[in-house]
């Protein structure tokens, strides 16, 4: 059983070591494991005031947000409970009471 990490490009588990480099036989990708470990930094989500957000937090809107495809507006001060942080253009996946499931950007919320 190999203790080498999988390929960062194709996730193939059959990597092998060639000198100080790791190689992937499937896609041909070469990488230095020391540089790859130093480059892996966990993403940190921050609200409009710079507070760190985590899954399960409650947040409050700091701006009126128009809902795309509707004339409805989610007002400032609306509290959203139990958020889930995701990758992508919109960082928060949640349910807004009275509006349903929605995705928000962290720049429009503050930690409650």
N, C-alpha and C. Protein backbone atom coordinates (compact mmCIF):
# COMPACT_ATOMS: atom_id res chain seq x y z
N UNK A 1 0.85 -1.18 0.00
CA UNK A 1 0.00 0.00 0.00
C UNK A 1 0.89 1.23 0.00
N UNK A 2 0.65 2.14 -0.92
CA UNK A 2 1.45 3.35 -1.05
C UNK A 2 0.95 4.44 -0.10
N UNK A 3 1.88 5.19 0.47
CA UNK A 3 1.51 6.31 1.34
C UNK A 3 1.67 7.63 0.60
N UNK A 4 1.91 7.57 -0.71
CA UNK A 4 2.06 8.79 -1.50
C UNK A 4 0.68 9.40 -1.75
N UNK A 5 0.61 10.73 -1.82
CA UNK A 5 -0.69 11.38 -2.05
C UNK A 5 -1.16 11.17 -3.49
N UNK A 6 -2.46 11.27 -3.74
CA UNK A 6 -2.96 11.14 -5.11
C UNK A 6 -2.57 12.36 -5.94
N UNK A 7 -2.67 12.21 -7.24
CA UNK A 7 -2.34 13.30 -8.17
C UNK A 7 -3.27 14.49 -7.93
N UNK A 8 -2.74 15.72 -7.80
CA UNK A 8 -3.61 16.88 -7.58
C UNK A 8 -4.44 17.26 -8.81
N UNK A 9 -4.06 16.78 -9.99
CA UNK A 9 -4.83 17.12 -11.19
C UNK A 9 -5.95 16.13 -11.49
N UNK A 10 -5.60 14.82 -11.51
CA UNK A 10 -6.60 13.83 -11.91
C UNK A 10 -7.06 12.93 -10.76
N UNK A 11 -6.48 13.10 -9.58
CA UNK A 11 -6.81 12.32 -8.38
C UNK A 11 -6.48 10.83 -8.51
N UNK A 12 -5.59 10.47 -9.44
CA UNK A 12 -5.17 9.07 -9.59
C UNK A 12 -4.34 8.67 -8.38
N UNK A 13 -4.60 7.52 -7.83
CA UNK A 13 -3.91 7.08 -6.62
C UNK A 13 -2.59 6.36 -6.90
N UNK A 14 -2.28 6.09 -8.16
CA UNK A 14 -1.08 5.33 -8.51
C UNK A 14 0.09 6.25 -8.83
N UNK A 15 0.42 7.17 -7.92
CA UNK A 15 1.57 8.04 -8.11
C UNK A 15 2.84 7.33 -7.70
N UNK A 16 3.96 7.80 -8.22
CA UNK A 16 5.25 7.22 -7.84
C UNK A 16 6.27 8.34 -7.70
N UNK A 17 7.35 8.04 -6.98
CA UNK A 17 8.37 9.04 -6.69
C UNK A 17 9.53 8.86 -7.66
N UNK A 18 10.02 9.99 -8.20
CA UNK A 18 11.18 10.01 -9.09
C UNK A 18 12.11 11.09 -8.57
N UNK A 19 13.08 10.69 -7.77
CA UNK A 19 13.96 11.67 -7.12
C UNK A 19 13.18 12.37 -6.03
N UNK A 20 13.16 13.72 -6.08
CA UNK A 20 12.37 14.46 -5.10
C UNK A 20 11.01 14.89 -5.66
N UNK A 21 10.67 14.44 -6.86
CA UNK A 21 9.40 14.79 -7.50
C UNK A 21 8.45 13.59 -7.44
N UNK A 22 7.16 13.88 -7.46
CA UNK A 22 6.14 12.84 -7.59
C UNK A 22 5.59 12.89 -9.00
N UNK A 23 5.27 11.72 -9.54
CA UNK A 23 4.79 11.62 -10.92
C UNK A 23 3.45 10.89 -10.95
N UNK A 24 2.62 11.26 -11.92
CA UNK A 24 1.35 10.59 -12.13
C UNK A 24 1.42 9.83 -13.46
N UNK A 25 1.24 8.51 -13.45
CA UNK A 25 1.32 7.75 -14.70
C UNK A 25 0.11 7.97 -15.61
N UNK A 26 -1.00 8.42 -15.06
CA UNK A 26 -2.21 8.59 -15.88
C UNK A 26 -2.19 9.86 -16.71
N UNK A 27 -1.88 11.00 -16.06
CA UNK A 27 -1.93 12.27 -16.79
C UNK A 27 -0.55 12.87 -17.04
N UNK A 28 0.50 12.29 -16.44
CA UNK A 28 1.86 12.78 -16.67
C UNK A 28 2.23 14.00 -15.85
N UNK A 29 1.40 14.36 -14.89
CA UNK A 29 1.66 15.54 -14.06
C UNK A 29 2.83 15.26 -13.11
N UNK A 30 3.74 16.24 -12.98
CA UNK A 30 4.86 16.15 -12.04
C UNK A 30 4.72 17.27 -11.03
N UNK A 31 5.01 16.99 -9.76
CA UNK A 31 4.95 18.02 -8.74
C UNK A 31 5.88 17.70 -7.58
N UNK A 32 6.26 18.74 -6.89
CA UNK A 32 7.11 18.60 -5.71
C UNK A 32 6.19 18.55 -4.49
N UNK A 33 6.21 17.47 -3.73
CA UNK A 33 5.29 17.35 -2.60
C UNK A 33 5.50 18.41 -1.52
N UNK A 34 6.74 18.92 -1.37
CA UNK A 34 7.00 19.96 -0.37
C UNK A 34 6.32 21.27 -0.77
N UNK A 35 6.37 21.61 -2.05
CA UNK A 35 5.71 22.84 -2.53
C UNK A 35 4.21 22.70 -2.51
N UNK A 36 3.70 21.52 -2.83
CA UNK A 36 2.26 21.30 -2.83
C UNK A 36 1.69 21.42 -1.42
N UNK A 37 2.40 20.89 -0.42
CA UNK A 37 1.93 20.97 0.96
C UNK A 37 1.94 22.41 1.46
N UNK A 38 2.94 23.19 1.04
CA UNK A 38 3.02 24.59 1.46
C UNK A 38 1.93 25.43 0.78
N UNK A 39 1.51 25.03 -0.43
CA UNK A 39 0.52 25.79 -1.18
C UNK A 39 -0.91 25.52 -0.76
N UNK A 40 -1.14 24.43 -0.03
CA UNK A 40 -2.49 24.07 0.38
C UNK A 40 -2.89 24.87 1.61
N UNK A 41 -3.69 25.90 1.40
CA UNK A 41 -4.15 26.74 2.50
C UNK A 41 -5.67 26.65 2.51
N UNK A 42 -6.24 26.37 3.65
CA UNK A 42 -7.69 26.26 3.76
C UNK A 42 -8.33 27.62 3.52
N UNK A 43 -9.42 27.62 2.76
CA UNK A 43 -10.13 28.85 2.47
C UNK A 43 -10.84 29.33 3.73
N UNK A 44 -10.77 30.63 3.96
CA UNK A 44 -11.43 31.24 5.11
C UNK A 44 -12.47 32.21 4.58
N UNK A 45 -13.70 32.03 5.00
CA UNK A 45 -14.78 32.92 4.59
C UNK A 45 -14.96 33.99 5.65
N UNK A 46 -15.07 35.24 5.23
CA UNK A 46 -15.25 36.37 6.16
C UNK A 46 -16.49 37.17 5.77
N UNK A 47 -17.15 37.72 6.79
CA UNK A 47 -18.34 38.52 6.53
C UNK A 47 -17.94 39.94 6.14
N UNK A 48 -18.92 40.84 6.04
CA UNK A 48 -18.68 42.22 5.62
C UNK A 48 -17.78 42.98 6.59
N UNK A 49 -17.70 42.54 7.84
CA UNK A 49 -16.90 43.22 8.85
C UNK A 49 -15.59 42.49 9.14
N UNK A 50 -15.29 41.42 8.41
CA UNK A 50 -14.04 40.70 8.58
C UNK A 50 -14.08 39.56 9.58
N UNK A 51 -15.24 39.26 10.14
CA UNK A 51 -15.36 38.14 11.07
C UNK A 51 -15.35 36.82 10.31
N UNK A 52 -14.70 35.81 10.85
CA UNK A 52 -14.62 34.51 10.21
C UNK A 52 -15.95 33.78 10.35
N UNK A 53 -16.45 33.24 9.22
CA UNK A 53 -17.70 32.49 9.21
C UNK A 53 -17.42 31.00 9.16
N UNK A 54 -18.32 30.21 9.76
CA UNK A 54 -18.21 28.76 9.74
C UNK A 54 -19.58 28.17 9.44
N UNK A 55 -19.59 26.90 9.01
CA UNK A 55 -20.86 26.21 8.78
C UNK A 55 -21.68 26.22 10.06
N UNK A 56 -22.98 26.46 9.91
CA UNK A 56 -23.88 26.44 11.06
C UNK A 56 -24.06 27.79 11.73
N UNK A 57 -23.29 28.80 11.34
CA UNK A 57 -23.43 30.14 11.93
C UNK A 57 -24.75 30.78 11.53
N UNK A 58 -25.14 31.80 12.28
CA UNK A 58 -26.28 32.64 11.92
C UNK A 58 -25.72 33.98 11.46
N UNK A 59 -26.32 34.53 10.40
CA UNK A 59 -25.87 35.81 9.86
C UNK A 59 -27.07 36.73 9.66
N UNK A 60 -26.77 38.03 9.55
CA UNK A 60 -27.77 39.05 9.31
C UNK A 60 -27.39 39.81 8.06
N UNK A 61 -28.35 40.12 7.20
CA UNK A 61 -28.07 40.87 5.98
C UNK A 61 -27.75 42.32 6.31
N UNK A 62 -26.78 42.89 5.59
CA UNK A 62 -26.39 44.29 5.80
C UNK A 62 -26.84 45.16 4.63
N UNK A 63 -27.57 44.58 3.68
CA UNK A 63 -28.01 45.31 2.49
C UNK A 63 -29.30 44.67 1.99
N UNK A 64 -30.20 45.50 1.43
CA UNK A 64 -31.38 44.95 0.77
C UNK A 64 -30.92 44.18 -0.46
N UNK A 65 -31.44 42.96 -0.64
CA UNK A 65 -31.06 42.14 -1.78
C UNK A 65 -32.28 41.82 -2.63
N UNK A 66 -32.22 42.20 -3.91
CA UNK A 66 -33.29 41.86 -4.84
C UNK A 66 -33.14 40.40 -5.22
N UNK A 67 -34.28 39.73 -5.34
CA UNK A 67 -34.27 38.33 -5.73
C UNK A 67 -34.42 38.26 -7.24
N UNK A 68 -33.47 37.61 -7.88
CA UNK A 68 -33.45 37.52 -9.33
C UNK A 68 -34.71 36.82 -9.84
N UNK A 69 -35.36 37.40 -10.83
CA UNK A 69 -36.55 36.80 -11.41
C UNK A 69 -37.82 37.06 -10.62
N UNK A 70 -37.75 37.96 -9.66
CA UNK A 70 -38.90 38.26 -8.82
C UNK A 70 -38.87 39.73 -8.45
N UNK A 71 -39.99 40.25 -8.00
CA UNK A 71 -40.02 41.63 -7.54
C UNK A 71 -39.80 41.72 -6.04
N UNK A 72 -39.61 40.59 -5.38
CA UNK A 72 -39.42 40.54 -3.94
C UNK A 72 -38.02 41.01 -3.55
N UNK A 73 -37.90 41.53 -2.33
CA UNK A 73 -36.62 42.01 -1.81
C UNK A 73 -36.44 41.44 -0.40
N UNK A 74 -35.25 40.93 -0.14
CA UNK A 74 -34.90 40.49 1.21
C UNK A 74 -34.33 41.71 1.91
N UNK A 75 -34.94 42.14 2.98
CA UNK A 75 -34.60 43.41 3.64
C UNK A 75 -33.37 43.32 4.53
N UNK A 76 -32.76 44.49 4.77
CA UNK A 76 -31.65 44.61 5.72
C UNK A 76 -32.11 44.12 7.08
N UNK A 77 -31.24 43.41 7.79
CA UNK A 77 -31.57 42.94 9.13
C UNK A 77 -32.22 41.57 9.16
N UNK A 78 -32.51 41.00 7.98
CA UNK A 78 -33.09 39.66 7.95
C UNK A 78 -32.06 38.67 8.48
N UNK A 79 -32.47 37.87 9.45
CA UNK A 79 -31.55 36.90 10.06
C UNK A 79 -31.68 35.56 9.34
N UNK A 80 -30.53 34.98 9.02
CA UNK A 80 -30.47 33.68 8.35
C UNK A 80 -29.74 32.74 9.29
N UNK A 81 -30.37 31.61 9.62
CA UNK A 81 -29.78 30.66 10.56
C UNK A 81 -29.20 29.47 9.81
N UNK A 82 -28.22 28.84 10.45
CA UNK A 82 -27.65 27.58 9.98
C UNK A 82 -27.17 27.65 8.54
N UNK A 83 -26.20 28.52 8.27
CA UNK A 83 -25.66 28.66 6.92
C UNK A 83 -24.71 27.51 6.60
N UNK A 84 -24.50 27.28 5.30
CA UNK A 84 -23.53 26.28 4.83
C UNK A 84 -22.62 26.99 3.85
N UNK A 85 -21.31 26.95 4.08
CA UNK A 85 -20.33 27.63 3.24
C UNK A 85 -19.96 26.74 2.07
N UNK A 86 -19.92 27.34 0.87
CA UNK A 86 -19.65 26.59 -0.35
C UNK A 86 -18.63 27.35 -1.20
N UNK A 87 -18.03 26.68 -2.16
CA UNK A 87 -17.12 27.31 -3.11
C UNK A 87 -17.96 27.87 -4.25
N UNK A 88 -17.48 28.93 -4.85
CA UNK A 88 -18.17 29.46 -6.03
C UNK A 88 -18.38 30.96 -5.91
N UNK A 89 -19.18 31.48 -6.84
CA UNK A 89 -19.46 32.91 -6.88
C UNK A 89 -20.20 33.37 -5.63
N UNK A 90 -21.21 32.61 -5.24
CA UNK A 90 -21.94 32.87 -4.01
C UNK A 90 -21.41 31.90 -2.96
N UNK A 91 -21.06 32.42 -1.78
CA UNK A 91 -20.33 31.64 -0.79
C UNK A 91 -21.21 30.93 0.23
N UNK A 92 -22.47 31.35 0.37
CA UNK A 92 -23.34 30.83 1.42
C UNK A 92 -24.56 30.18 0.80
N UNK A 93 -24.85 28.95 1.23
CA UNK A 93 -26.05 28.24 0.84
C UNK A 93 -26.94 28.19 2.08
N UNK A 94 -28.18 28.66 1.97
CA UNK A 94 -29.03 28.75 3.16
C UNK A 94 -30.50 28.75 2.78
N UNK A 95 -31.34 28.78 3.80
CA UNK A 95 -32.77 28.97 3.61
C UNK A 95 -33.15 30.25 4.32
N UNK A 96 -33.73 31.18 3.58
CA UNK A 96 -34.19 32.44 4.16
C UNK A 96 -35.67 32.29 4.44
N UNK A 97 -36.04 32.51 5.70
CA UNK A 97 -37.42 32.33 6.11
C UNK A 97 -38.33 33.26 5.30
N UNK A 98 -39.36 32.67 4.70
CA UNK A 98 -40.31 33.44 3.89
C UNK A 98 -39.92 33.50 2.42
N UNK A 99 -38.69 33.08 2.08
CA UNK A 99 -38.23 33.14 0.70
C UNK A 99 -37.76 31.78 0.17
N UNK A 100 -37.31 30.90 1.06
CA UNK A 100 -36.87 29.57 0.66
C UNK A 100 -35.37 29.48 0.46
N UNK A 101 -34.92 28.42 -0.23
CA UNK A 101 -33.48 28.21 -0.42
C UNK A 101 -32.87 29.31 -1.28
N UNK A 102 -31.65 29.71 -0.90
CA UNK A 102 -31.02 30.84 -1.57
C UNK A 102 -29.52 30.76 -1.37
N UNK A 103 -28.78 31.38 -2.26
CA UNK A 103 -27.33 31.51 -2.11
C UNK A 103 -27.00 32.99 -1.96
N UNK A 104 -26.11 33.29 -1.01
CA UNK A 104 -25.74 34.67 -0.71
C UNK A 104 -24.23 34.84 -0.83
N UNK A 105 -23.80 36.08 -0.97
CA UNK A 105 -22.38 36.39 -0.95
C UNK A 105 -22.01 36.84 0.46
N UNK A 106 -20.83 36.49 0.90
CA UNK A 106 -20.41 36.84 2.26
C UNK A 106 -20.26 38.34 2.45
N UNK A 107 -20.07 39.09 1.39
CA UNK A 107 -19.87 40.52 1.50
C UNK A 107 -21.16 41.26 1.90
N UNK A 108 -22.30 40.58 1.84
CA UNK A 108 -23.59 41.20 2.17
C UNK A 108 -24.16 40.73 3.49
N UNK A 109 -23.37 40.03 4.31
CA UNK A 109 -23.86 39.54 5.60
C UNK A 109 -22.88 39.88 6.71
N UNK A 110 -23.38 39.91 7.93
CA UNK A 110 -22.51 40.02 9.12
C UNK A 110 -22.90 38.91 10.07
N UNK A 111 -21.91 38.44 10.81
CA UNK A 111 -22.13 37.35 11.75
C UNK A 111 -23.05 37.83 12.88
N UNK A 112 -24.06 37.03 13.18
CA UNK A 112 -25.02 37.42 14.21
C UNK A 112 -24.58 36.95 15.58
